[in-house]
């Protein structure tokens, strides 16, 4: 049977172990308070991450809005360039008309000038010959011209229709005004581009 001294030694061992358990318990309390501090810091970290996520979301919305605006403006720019290209076709057509007509006018003017020189020379010669041989007819001719002039003052002859009638080139249809820019998610429109 165990003696009192054995019982005392066993109690002393248990007491030593309880002291050790108190130390472990104290250390566990320290660990628990450290964990609580870490938890508080994690809450702060989570709040910061949430703020960053919200900022990233706002930047994403702004970028999506901006890209949509760029696409709208880009589409209008493409239409304007196409319209400009059609206008250039019209301008080229008009310039070709002018160039062709100018060349024909120069050729015709040159031909007519040469013919008019010949006609002037021949008619002057014929008038001189006729007036010299038929003075009475020359006088009658002058009187007839005076009467013709009076009649034309009262009732002028119909004008000769023009030889050339201008044919306008087809013009492209209008594309309309450029689109307005949406003020965007922030509510303020972006600054106007400077030229």
N, C-alpha and C. Protein backbone atom coordinates (compact mmCIF):
# COMPACT_ATOMS: atom_id res chain seq x y z
N UNK A 1 0.82 -1.14 0.00
CA UNK A 1 0.00 0.00 0.00
C UNK A 1 0.89 1.23 0.00
N UNK A 2 0.45 2.27 -0.66
CA UNK A 2 1.33 3.40 -0.73
C UNK A 2 1.38 4.11 0.61
N UNK A 3 2.47 4.62 0.85
CA UNK A 3 2.66 5.34 2.11
C UNK A 3 2.28 6.79 1.93
N UNK A 4 2.23 7.51 3.04
CA UNK A 4 1.88 8.92 3.04
C UNK A 4 2.92 9.71 2.29
N UNK A 5 4.15 9.28 2.39
CA UNK A 5 5.21 9.98 1.68
C UNK A 5 5.03 9.80 0.17
N UNK A 6 4.60 8.59 -0.25
CA UNK A 6 4.35 8.36 -1.68
C UNK A 6 3.19 9.25 -2.14
N UNK A 7 2.16 9.30 -1.29
CA UNK A 7 1.01 10.12 -1.61
C UNK A 7 1.41 11.58 -1.72
N UNK A 8 2.29 12.03 -0.78
CA UNK A 8 2.76 13.41 -0.80
C UNK A 8 3.57 13.67 -2.06
N UNK A 9 4.43 12.75 -2.43
CA UNK A 9 5.25 12.92 -3.65
C UNK A 9 4.34 13.01 -4.89
N UNK A 10 3.31 12.18 -4.87
CA UNK A 10 2.40 12.19 -6.02
C UNK A 10 1.66 13.54 -6.10
N UNK A 11 1.26 14.05 -4.92
CA UNK A 11 0.58 15.34 -4.88
C UNK A 11 1.52 16.44 -5.35
N UNK A 12 2.77 16.33 -4.97
CA UNK A 12 3.75 17.33 -5.37
C UNK A 12 3.93 17.29 -6.90
N UNK A 13 3.93 16.11 -7.47
CA UNK A 13 4.08 15.96 -8.91
C UNK A 13 2.87 16.60 -9.62
N UNK A 14 1.68 16.33 -9.05
CA UNK A 14 0.46 16.88 -9.63
C UNK A 14 0.49 18.40 -9.53
N UNK A 15 0.98 18.92 -8.39
CA UNK A 15 1.08 20.37 -8.21
C UNK A 15 2.05 20.97 -9.21
N UNK A 16 3.19 20.28 -9.43
CA UNK A 16 4.16 20.76 -10.42
C UNK A 16 3.51 20.79 -11.83
N UNK A 17 2.73 19.76 -12.10
CA UNK A 17 2.09 19.69 -13.41
C UNK A 17 1.03 20.80 -13.55
N UNK A 18 0.35 21.08 -12.41
CA UNK A 18 -0.65 22.15 -12.44
C UNK A 18 0.04 23.49 -12.67
N UNK A 19 1.22 23.69 -12.09
CA UNK A 19 1.98 24.91 -12.34
C UNK A 19 2.34 25.02 -13.82
N UNK A 20 2.74 23.88 -14.36
CA UNK A 20 3.07 23.86 -15.79
C UNK A 20 1.81 24.17 -16.61
N UNK A 21 0.66 23.63 -16.20
CA UNK A 21 -0.59 23.88 -16.91
C UNK A 21 -0.98 25.35 -16.80
N UNK A 22 -0.70 25.99 -15.67
CA UNK A 22 -0.97 27.42 -15.53
C UNK A 22 -0.12 28.21 -16.53
N UNK A 23 1.16 27.79 -16.69
CA UNK A 23 2.03 28.46 -17.66
C UNK A 23 1.50 28.29 -19.08
N UNK A 24 1.05 27.04 -19.37
CA UNK A 24 0.49 26.77 -20.70
C UNK A 24 -0.79 27.60 -20.89
N UNK A 25 -1.61 27.65 -19.83
CA UNK A 25 -2.84 28.42 -19.90
C UNK A 25 -2.55 29.90 -20.12
N UNK A 26 -1.52 30.43 -19.44
CA UNK A 26 -1.13 31.83 -19.63
C UNK A 26 -0.66 32.07 -21.07
N UNK A 27 0.12 31.12 -21.56
CA UNK A 27 0.59 31.25 -22.94
C UNK A 27 -0.58 31.16 -23.93
N UNK A 28 -1.55 30.29 -23.62
CA UNK A 28 -2.73 30.18 -24.48
C UNK A 28 -3.53 31.47 -24.44
N UNK A 29 -3.61 32.13 -23.28
CA UNK A 29 -4.30 33.41 -23.19
C UNK A 29 -3.59 34.46 -24.04
N UNK A 30 -2.25 34.43 -24.03
CA UNK A 30 -1.47 35.36 -24.85
C UNK A 30 -1.73 35.09 -26.34
N UNK A 31 -1.73 33.80 -26.69
CA UNK A 31 -2.00 33.43 -28.10
C UNK A 31 -3.40 33.89 -28.49
N UNK A 32 -4.37 33.71 -27.56
CA UNK A 32 -5.75 34.12 -27.85
C UNK A 32 -5.82 35.64 -28.08
N UNK A 33 -5.17 36.42 -27.24
CA UNK A 33 -5.19 37.88 -27.43
C UNK A 33 -4.45 38.27 -28.72
N UNK A 34 -3.36 37.55 -29.03
CA UNK A 34 -2.67 37.81 -30.30
C UNK A 34 -3.58 37.50 -31.49
N UNK A 35 -4.35 36.41 -31.38
CA UNK A 35 -5.28 36.05 -32.46
C UNK A 35 -6.37 37.09 -32.60
N UNK A 36 -6.84 37.62 -31.48
CA UNK A 36 -7.85 38.68 -31.54
C UNK A 36 -7.28 39.93 -32.21
N UNK A 37 -6.04 40.27 -31.94
CA UNK A 37 -5.40 41.42 -32.57
C UNK A 37 -5.25 41.19 -34.07
N UNK A 38 -4.85 39.95 -34.42
CA UNK A 38 -4.71 39.60 -35.84
C UNK A 38 -6.07 39.69 -36.53
N UNK A 39 -7.13 39.22 -35.84
CA UNK A 39 -8.47 39.30 -36.41
C UNK A 39 -8.86 40.76 -36.68
N UNK A 40 -8.55 41.66 -35.77
CA UNK A 40 -8.83 43.08 -35.97
C UNK A 40 -8.07 43.62 -37.17
N UNK A 41 -6.81 43.21 -37.28
CA UNK A 41 -6.01 43.68 -38.42
C UNK A 41 -6.55 43.08 -39.73
N UNK A 42 -7.05 41.85 -39.69
CA UNK A 42 -7.63 41.24 -40.89
C UNK A 42 -8.91 41.99 -41.30
N UNK A 43 -9.69 42.44 -40.30
CA UNK A 43 -10.89 43.23 -40.63
C UNK A 43 -10.49 44.53 -41.34
N UNK A 44 -9.43 45.18 -40.86
CA UNK A 44 -8.93 46.41 -41.50
C UNK A 44 -8.46 46.10 -42.92
N UNK A 45 -7.73 44.98 -43.06
CA UNK A 45 -7.24 44.56 -44.38
C UNK A 45 -8.40 44.27 -45.33
N UNK A 46 -9.45 43.58 -44.83
CA UNK A 46 -10.61 43.28 -45.65
C UNK A 46 -11.30 44.57 -46.10
N UNK A 47 -11.43 45.55 -45.19
CA UNK A 47 -12.05 46.83 -45.55
C UNK A 47 -11.23 47.53 -46.63
N UNK A 48 -9.90 47.48 -46.53
CA UNK A 48 -9.04 48.10 -47.55
C UNK A 48 -9.20 47.39 -48.89
N UNK A 49 -9.26 46.06 -48.86
CA UNK A 49 -9.43 45.29 -50.11
C UNK A 49 -10.79 45.61 -50.73
N UNK A 50 -11.84 45.72 -49.89
CA UNK A 50 -13.16 46.07 -50.41
C UNK A 50 -13.13 47.45 -51.06
N UNK A 51 -12.41 48.41 -50.46
CA UNK A 51 -12.30 49.75 -51.04
C UNK A 51 -11.58 49.70 -52.38
N UNK A 52 -10.52 48.89 -52.47
CA UNK A 52 -9.80 48.74 -53.74
C UNK A 52 -10.70 48.10 -54.78
N UNK A 53 -11.49 47.09 -54.38
CA UNK A 53 -12.40 46.42 -55.32
C UNK A 53 -13.45 47.41 -55.84
N UNK A 54 -13.96 48.27 -54.95
CA UNK A 54 -14.94 49.27 -55.39
C UNK A 54 -14.30 50.26 -56.36
N UNK A 55 -13.07 50.68 -56.07
CA UNK A 55 -12.37 51.61 -56.97
C UNK A 55 -12.12 50.96 -58.33
N UNK A 56 -11.73 49.69 -58.33
CA UNK A 56 -11.50 48.96 -59.59
C UNK A 56 -12.81 48.86 -60.37
N UNK A 57 -13.92 48.60 -59.66
CA UNK A 57 -15.23 48.53 -60.33
C UNK A 57 -15.59 49.87 -60.97
N UNK A 58 -15.32 50.96 -60.24
CA UNK A 58 -15.63 52.29 -60.77
C UNK A 58 -14.76 52.59 -62.00
N UNK A 59 -13.48 52.24 -61.93
CA UNK A 59 -12.59 52.43 -63.09
C UNK A 59 -13.08 51.59 -64.27
N UNK A 60 -13.52 50.37 -63.99
CA UNK A 60 -14.03 49.50 -65.05
C UNK A 60 -15.26 50.12 -65.71
N UNK A 61 -16.19 50.65 -64.90
CA UNK A 61 -17.38 51.29 -65.47
C UNK A 61 -16.99 52.51 -66.30
N UNK A 62 -16.06 53.30 -65.79
CA UNK A 62 -15.61 54.49 -66.53
C UNK A 62 -14.97 54.09 -67.86
N UNK A 63 -14.14 53.04 -67.83
CA UNK A 63 -13.50 52.58 -69.07
C UNK A 63 -14.54 52.05 -70.06
N UNK A 64 -15.52 51.30 -69.57
CA UNK A 64 -16.56 50.79 -70.47
C UNK A 64 -17.34 51.94 -71.09
N UNK A 65 -17.67 52.96 -70.28
CA UNK A 65 -18.38 54.13 -70.80
C UNK A 65 -17.51 54.85 -71.83
N UNK A 66 -16.23 55.03 -71.48
CA UNK A 66 -15.31 55.73 -72.39
C UNK A 66 -15.15 55.00 -73.72
N UNK A 67 -15.03 53.67 -73.66
CA UNK A 67 -14.90 52.90 -74.89
C UNK A 67 -16.18 52.99 -75.72
N UNK A 68 -17.34 52.98 -75.05
CA UNK A 68 -18.60 53.12 -75.78
C UNK A 68 -18.65 54.47 -76.48
N UNK A 69 -18.18 55.53 -75.80
CA UNK A 69 -18.16 56.86 -76.42
C UNK A 69 -17.19 56.88 -77.61
N UNK A 70 -16.03 56.26 -77.44
CA UNK A 70 -15.05 56.21 -78.54
C UNK A 70 -15.61 55.45 -79.74
N UNK A 71 -16.35 54.38 -79.47
CA UNK A 71 -16.94 53.61 -80.57
C UNK A 71 -17.98 54.46 -81.29
N UNK A 72 -18.81 55.19 -80.52
CA UNK A 72 -19.82 56.06 -81.14
C UNK A 72 -19.16 57.12 -82.00
N UNK A 73 -18.15 57.78 -81.44
CA UNK A 73 -17.46 58.83 -82.20
C UNK A 73 -16.72 58.23 -83.39
N UNK A 74 -16.12 57.05 -83.19
CA UNK A 74 -15.42 56.38 -84.30
C UNK A 74 -16.36 56.02 -85.43
N UNK A 75 -17.58 55.56 -85.08
CA UNK A 75 -18.56 55.24 -86.13
C UNK A 75 -18.93 56.50 -86.91
N UNK A 76 -19.14 57.61 -86.19
CA UNK A 76 -19.46 58.85 -86.88
C UNK A 76 -18.28 59.29 -87.77
N UNK A 77 -17.07 59.16 -87.25
CA UNK A 77 -15.88 59.53 -88.03
C UNK A 77 -15.81 58.70 -89.31
N UNK A 78 -16.11 57.40 -89.20
CA UNK A 78 -16.10 56.55 -90.39
C UNK A 78 -17.16 57.01 -91.39
N UNK A 79 -18.36 57.36 -90.89
CA UNK A 79 -19.40 57.87 -91.79
C UNK A 79 -18.96 59.18 -92.44
N UNK A 80 -18.34 60.05 -91.64
CA UNK A 80 -17.90 61.34 -92.18
C UNK A 80 -16.82 61.14 -93.24
N UNK A 81 -15.90 60.21 -93.00
CA UNK A 81 -14.86 59.93 -94.00
C UNK A 81 -15.47 59.36 -95.28
N UNK A 82 -16.44 58.47 -95.13
CA UNK A 82 -17.10 57.91 -96.30
C UNK A 82 -17.84 59.01 -97.07
N UNK A 83 -18.53 59.87 -96.32
CA UNK A 83 -19.24 61.00 -96.94
C UNK A 83 -18.26 61.90 -97.67
N UNK A 84 -17.12 62.18 -97.03
CA UNK A 84 -16.08 63.01 -97.65
C UNK A 84 -15.58 62.34 -98.93
N UNK A 85 -15.44 61.03 -98.90
CA UNK A 85 -14.99 60.29 -100.08
C UNK A 85 -16.01 60.45 -101.21
N UNK A 86 -17.30 60.38 -100.87
CA UNK A 86 -18.33 60.58 -101.89
C UNK A 86 -18.30 62.01 -102.43
N UNK A 87 -18.08 62.98 -101.54
CA UNK A 87 -17.98 64.37 -101.99
C UNK A 87 -16.77 64.53 -102.92
N UNK A 88 -15.66 63.86 -102.60
CA UNK A 88 -14.48 63.93 -103.47
C UNK A 88 -14.80 63.37 -104.85
N UNK A 89 -15.61 62.29 -104.90
CA UNK A 89 -16.02 61.75 -106.21
C UNK A 89 -16.81 62.79 -106.99
N UNK A 90 -17.70 63.51 -106.28
CA UNK A 90 -18.49 64.57 -106.94
C UNK A 90 -17.57 65.68 -107.44
N UNK A 91 -16.63 66.09 -106.61
CA UNK A 91 -15.69 67.15 -107.00
C UNK A 91 -14.87 66.72 -108.21
N UNK A 92 -14.40 65.49 -108.21
CA UNK A 92 -13.61 64.99 -109.34
C UNK A 92 -14.47 64.98 -110.60
N UNK A 93 -15.74 64.57 -110.47
CA UNK A 93 -16.64 64.56 -111.63
C UNK A 93 -16.80 65.97 -112.20
N UNK A 94 -17.04 66.94 -111.29
CA UNK A 94 -17.21 68.33 -111.74
C UNK A 94 -15.93 68.83 -112.42
N UNK A 95 -14.78 68.53 -111.83
CA UNK A 95 -13.51 68.96 -112.42
C UNK A 95 -13.28 68.32 -113.79
N UNK A 96 -13.71 67.07 -113.94
CA UNK A 96 -13.58 66.42 -115.25
C UNK A 96 -14.47 67.12 -116.28
N UNK A 97 -15.69 67.50 -115.85
CA UNK A 97 -16.58 68.26 -116.76
C UNK A 97 -15.90 69.57 -117.17
N UNK A 98 -15.39 70.28 -116.19
CA UNK A 98 -14.74 71.57 -116.47
C UNK A 98 -13.55 71.38 -117.39
N UNK A 99 -12.74 70.37 -117.12
CA UNK A 99 -11.54 70.12 -117.93
C UNK A 99 -11.92 69.77 -119.37
N UNK A 100 -12.90 68.87 -119.51
CA UNK A 100 -13.32 68.47 -120.86
C UNK A 100 -13.92 69.66 -121.61
N UNK A 101 -14.81 70.40 -120.92
CA UNK A 101 -15.44 71.55 -121.58
C UNK A 101 -14.42 72.63 -121.93
N UNK A 102 -13.47 72.87 -121.06
CA UNK A 102 -12.44 73.88 -121.33
C UNK A 102 -11.61 73.48 -122.55
N UNK A 103 -11.24 72.24 -122.62
CA UNK A 103 -10.46 71.77 -123.77
C UNK A 103 -11.27 71.92 -125.07
N UNK A 104 -12.55 71.53 -125.03
CA UNK A 104 -13.39 71.67 -126.22
C UNK A 104 -13.56 73.14 -126.61
N UNK A 105 -13.70 74.00 -125.60
CA UNK A 105 -13.85 75.44 -125.89
C UNK A 105 -12.59 75.99 -126.56
N UNK A 106 -11.44 75.60 -126.08
CA UNK A 106 -10.19 76.07 -126.69
C UNK A 106 -10.09 75.61 -128.13
N UNK A 107 -10.41 74.34 -128.37
CA UNK A 107 -10.34 73.82 -129.73
C UNK A 107 -11.34 74.53 -130.63
N UNK A 108 -12.57 74.72 -130.14
CA UNK A 108 -13.59 75.39 -130.94
C UNK A 108 -13.22 76.85 -131.18
N UNK A 109 -12.71 77.52 -130.16
CA UNK A 109 -12.32 78.94 -130.30
C UNK A 109 -11.22 79.08 -131.34
N UNK A 110 -10.27 78.16 -131.31
CA UNK A 110 -9.19 78.23 -132.30
C UNK A 110 -9.74 78.06 -133.72
N UNK A 111 -10.63 77.08 -133.90
CA UNK A 111 -11.23 76.85 -135.22
C UNK A 111 -12.05 78.05 -135.66
N UNK A 112 -12.87 78.57 -134.75
CA UNK A 112 -13.73 79.70 -135.09
C UNK A 112 -12.91 80.95 -135.41
N UNK A 113 -11.85 81.16 -134.70
CA UNK A 113 -11.01 82.34 -134.96
C UNK A 113 -10.45 82.29 -136.38
N UNK A 114 -9.96 81.14 -136.75
CA UNK A 114 -9.42 81.00 -138.11
C UNK A 114 -10.52 81.22 -139.15
N UNK A 115 -11.70 80.66 -138.91
CA UNK A 115 -12.80 80.83 -139.86
C UNK A 115 -13.26 82.30 -139.92
N UNK A 116 -13.31 82.95 -138.77
CA UNK A 116 -13.74 84.35 -138.74
C UNK A 116 -12.77 85.26 -139.50
N UNK A 117 -11.49 84.95 -139.42
CA UNK A 117 -10.51 85.74 -140.17
C UNK A 117 -10.76 85.60 -141.67
N UNK A 118 -11.02 84.38 -142.11
CA UNK A 118 -11.29 84.15 -143.54
C UNK A 118 -12.59 84.85 -143.96
N UNK A 119 -13.64 84.69 -143.13
CA UNK A 119 -14.93 85.29 -143.45
C UNK A 119 -14.81 86.82 -143.51
N UNK A 120 -14.13 87.42 -142.56
CA UNK A 120 -13.95 88.88 -142.54
C UNK A 120 -13.26 89.35 -143.82
N UNK A 121 -12.20 88.64 -144.17
CA UNK A 121 -11.46 89.03 -145.38
C UNK A 121 -12.36 88.93 -146.61
N UNK A 122 -13.08 87.82 -146.75
CA UNK A 122 -13.91 87.60 -147.93
C UNK A 122 -15.10 88.55 -147.98
N UNK A 123 -15.75 88.79 -146.85
CA UNK A 123 -16.93 89.68 -146.87
C UNK A 123 -16.53 91.12 -147.13
N UNK A 124 -15.40 91.54 -146.59
CA UNK A 124 -14.94 92.90 -146.85
C UNK A 124 -14.67 93.06 -148.35
N UNK A 125 -14.01 92.08 -148.92
CA UNK A 125 -13.71 92.13 -150.34
C UNK A 125 -15.00 92.13 -151.17
N UNK A 126 -15.98 91.27 -150.83
CA UNK A 126 -17.24 91.21 -151.58
C UNK A 126 -18.05 92.51 -151.43
N UNK A 127 -18.07 93.08 -150.22
CA UNK A 127 -18.82 94.32 -150.00
C UNK A 127 -18.22 95.45 -150.81
N UNK A 128 -16.90 95.52 -150.84
CA UNK A 128 -16.25 96.57 -151.61
C UNK A 128 -16.55 96.40 -153.10
N UNK A 129 -16.45 95.17 -153.60
CA UNK A 129 -16.73 94.91 -155.01
C UNK A 129 -18.18 95.22 -155.35
N UNK A 130 -19.11 94.80 -154.52
CA UNK A 130 -20.53 95.00 -154.80
C UNK A 130 -20.91 96.48 -154.73
N UNK A 131 -20.36 97.18 -153.70
CA UNK A 131 -20.68 98.60 -153.59
C UNK A 131 -20.13 99.38 -154.78
N UNK A 132 -19.00 98.96 -155.30
CA UNK A 132 -18.40 99.66 -156.43
C UNK A 132 -19.19 99.40 -157.70
N UNK A 133 -19.74 98.24 -157.85
CA UNK A 133 -20.47 97.92 -159.09
C UNK A 133 -21.96 98.20 -158.99
N UNK A 134 -22.53 98.25 -157.80
CA UNK A 134 -23.98 98.46 -157.63
C UNK A 134 -24.22 99.49 -156.53
N UNK A 135 -23.99 100.79 -156.82
CA UNK A 135 -24.18 101.79 -155.77
C UNK A 135 -25.63 101.91 -155.33
N UNK A 136 -26.58 101.71 -156.22
CA UNK A 136 -27.99 101.80 -155.84
C UNK A 136 -28.35 100.67 -154.88
N UNK A 137 -27.83 99.49 -155.09
CA UNK A 137 -28.10 98.34 -154.22
C UNK A 137 -27.46 98.55 -152.86
N UNK A 138 -26.28 99.18 -152.81
CA UNK A 138 -25.62 99.45 -151.53
C UNK A 138 -26.47 100.41 -150.72
N UNK A 139 -27.05 101.42 -151.40
CA UNK A 139 -27.91 102.38 -150.69
C UNK A 139 -29.18 101.69 -150.20
N UNK A 140 -29.77 100.86 -151.01
CA UNK A 140 -30.97 100.11 -150.59
C UNK A 140 -30.64 99.19 -149.41
N UNK A 141 -29.49 98.62 -149.43
CA UNK A 141 -29.06 97.73 -148.32
C UNK A 141 -28.97 98.51 -147.03
N UNK A 142 -28.39 99.71 -147.05
CA UNK A 142 -28.27 100.53 -145.84
C UNK A 142 -29.64 100.87 -145.28
N UNK A 143 -30.61 101.21 -146.20
CA UNK A 143 -31.96 101.52 -145.74
C UNK A 143 -32.63 100.30 -145.11
N UNK A 144 -32.43 99.14 -145.70
CA UNK A 144 -33.00 97.89 -145.18
C UNK A 144 -32.43 97.57 -143.80
N UNK A 145 -31.18 97.80 -143.59
CA UNK A 145 -30.55 97.55 -142.28
C UNK A 145 -31.12 98.49 -141.22
N UNK A 146 -31.38 99.75 -141.58
CA UNK A 146 -31.96 100.70 -140.63
C UNK A 146 -33.36 100.26 -140.22
N UNK A 147 -34.17 99.79 -141.21
CA UNK A 147 -35.51 99.29 -140.90
C UNK A 147 -35.46 98.04 -140.00
N UNK A 148 -34.57 97.14 -140.31
CA UNK A 148 -34.40 95.90 -139.52
C UNK A 148 -34.04 96.25 -138.07
N UNK A 149 -33.20 97.26 -137.88
CA UNK A 149 -32.79 97.67 -136.54
C UNK A 149 -33.99 98.20 -135.76
N UNK A 150 -34.86 99.01 -136.43
CA UNK A 150 -36.05 99.54 -135.76
C UNK A 150 -37.00 98.41 -135.37
N UNK A 151 -37.18 97.44 -136.24
CA UNK A 151 -38.08 96.30 -135.96
C UNK A 151 -37.53 95.48 -134.80
N UNK A 152 -36.24 95.24 -134.77
CA UNK A 152 -35.64 94.44 -133.69
C UNK A 152 -35.71 95.15 -132.35
N UNK A 153 -35.73 96.50 -132.36
CA UNK A 153 -35.89 97.23 -131.10
C UNK A 153 -37.30 97.01 -130.55
N UNK A 154 -38.28 96.93 -131.42
CA UNK A 154 -39.66 96.70 -131.01
C UNK A 154 -39.90 95.23 -130.68
N UNK A 155 -39.51 94.36 -131.54
CA UNK A 155 -39.77 92.92 -131.39
C UNK A 155 -38.46 92.15 -131.60
N UNK A 156 -37.71 91.97 -130.54
CA UNK A 156 -36.42 91.29 -130.72
C UNK A 156 -36.62 89.81 -131.07
N UNK A 157 -35.70 89.26 -131.82
CA UNK A 157 -35.82 87.84 -132.19
C UNK A 157 -35.59 86.93 -130.97
N UNK A 158 -36.09 85.71 -131.05
CA UNK A 158 -35.90 84.72 -129.98
C UNK A 158 -34.41 84.43 -129.81
N UNK A 159 -33.95 84.39 -128.56
CA UNK A 159 -32.53 84.08 -128.37
C UNK A 159 -32.22 82.64 -128.74
N UNK A 160 -31.06 82.44 -129.22
CA UNK A 160 -30.61 81.09 -129.58
C UNK A 160 -30.36 80.30 -128.30
N UNK A 161 -30.89 79.08 -128.22
CA UNK A 161 -30.64 78.29 -127.00
C UNK A 161 -29.15 78.00 -126.83
N UNK A 162 -28.70 77.90 -125.58
CA UNK A 162 -27.27 77.66 -125.37
C UNK A 162 -26.85 76.30 -125.91
N UNK A 163 -25.62 76.25 -126.34
CA UNK A 163 -25.08 75.01 -126.89
C UNK A 163 -24.84 74.01 -125.75
N UNK A 164 -24.36 74.51 -124.64
CA UNK A 164 -24.01 73.64 -123.51
C UNK A 164 -25.03 73.84 -122.40
N UNK A 165 -25.57 72.74 -121.89
CA UNK A 165 -26.46 72.77 -120.73
C UNK A 165 -25.76 71.99 -119.62
N UNK A 166 -25.55 72.66 -118.51
CA UNK A 166 -24.79 72.05 -117.41
C UNK A 166 -25.56 70.88 -116.81
N UNK A 167 -24.86 69.77 -116.62
CA UNK A 167 -25.42 68.60 -115.97
C UNK A 167 -24.73 68.44 -114.61
N UNK A 168 -25.43 68.74 -113.50
CA UNK A 168 -24.76 68.64 -112.20
C UNK A 168 -24.41 67.19 -111.86
N UNK A 169 -23.32 67.03 -111.13
CA UNK A 169 -22.90 65.71 -110.68
C UNK A 169 -23.71 65.32 -109.45
N UNK A 170 -23.90 64.02 -109.24
CA UNK A 170 -24.68 63.60 -108.05
C UNK A 170 -23.90 63.93 -106.78
N UNK A 171 -24.62 64.49 -105.82
CA UNK A 171 -24.00 64.82 -104.52
C UNK A 171 -24.39 63.75 -103.52
N UNK A 172 -23.49 63.40 -102.59
CA UNK A 172 -23.84 62.38 -101.59
C UNK A 172 -24.88 62.92 -100.61
N UNK A 173 -25.61 61.98 -100.00
CA UNK A 173 -26.60 62.38 -99.01
C UNK A 173 -25.88 62.86 -97.75
N UNK A 174 -26.54 63.74 -97.01
CA UNK A 174 -25.96 64.25 -95.77
C UNK A 174 -25.96 63.14 -94.72
N UNK A 175 -24.97 63.17 -93.83
CA UNK A 175 -24.91 62.13 -92.79
C UNK A 175 -25.43 62.63 -91.46
N UNK A 176 -25.72 63.88 -91.33
CA UNK A 176 -26.24 64.41 -90.08
C UNK A 176 -25.14 64.95 -89.19
N UNK A 177 -25.56 65.44 -88.04
CA UNK A 177 -24.63 66.04 -87.09
C UNK A 177 -23.92 64.94 -86.30
N UNK A 178 -22.76 65.24 -85.73
CA UNK A 178 -22.07 64.23 -84.92
C UNK A 178 -22.87 63.93 -83.66
N UNK A 179 -22.70 62.72 -83.11
CA UNK A 179 -23.45 62.36 -81.90
C UNK A 179 -22.98 63.18 -80.71
N UNK A 180 -23.90 63.37 -79.76
CA UNK A 180 -23.52 64.06 -78.53
C UNK A 180 -22.86 63.06 -77.60
N UNK A 181 -21.98 63.56 -76.76
CA UNK A 181 -21.23 62.69 -75.85
C UNK A 181 -22.00 62.57 -74.54
N UNK A 182 -22.18 61.33 -74.08
CA UNK A 182 -22.85 61.04 -72.82
C UNK A 182 -21.99 61.54 -71.67
N UNK A 183 -22.61 62.20 -70.64
CA UNK A 183 -21.78 62.72 -69.55
C UNK A 183 -21.07 61.63 -68.77
N UNK A 184 -21.50 60.39 -68.88
CA UNK A 184 -20.76 59.30 -68.26
C UNK A 184 -21.17 59.00 -66.84
N UNK A 185 -20.52 57.98 -66.27
CA UNK A 185 -20.89 57.54 -64.94
C UNK A 185 -20.62 58.58 -63.87
N UNK A 186 -19.66 59.46 -64.08
CA UNK A 186 -19.34 60.48 -63.08
C UNK A 186 -20.29 61.66 -63.15
N UNK A 187 -21.07 61.78 -64.24
CA UNK A 187 -22.00 62.88 -64.39
C UNK A 187 -21.41 64.10 -65.04
N UNK A 188 -20.11 64.15 -65.28
CA UNK A 188 -19.49 65.31 -65.93
C UNK A 188 -18.91 64.86 -67.25
N UNK A 189 -19.15 65.60 -68.31
CA UNK A 189 -18.59 65.21 -69.60
C UNK A 189 -17.08 65.37 -69.60
N UNK A 190 -16.39 64.57 -70.42
CA UNK A 190 -14.96 64.71 -70.52
C UNK A 190 -14.60 66.04 -71.16
N UNK A 191 -13.37 66.51 -70.98
CA UNK A 191 -13.00 67.79 -71.57
C UNK A 191 -13.04 67.71 -73.09
N UNK A 192 -13.38 68.83 -73.73
CA UNK A 192 -13.43 68.89 -75.18
C UNK A 192 -12.02 68.80 -75.74
N UNK A 193 -11.84 68.07 -76.86
CA UNK A 193 -10.50 67.99 -77.45
C UNK A 193 -10.08 69.34 -77.99
N UNK A 194 -8.82 69.65 -77.81
CA UNK A 194 -8.28 70.91 -78.34
C UNK A 194 -7.68 70.66 -79.69
N UNK A 195 -7.73 71.69 -80.50
CA UNK A 195 -7.16 71.55 -81.85
C UNK A 195 -5.81 72.17 -81.90
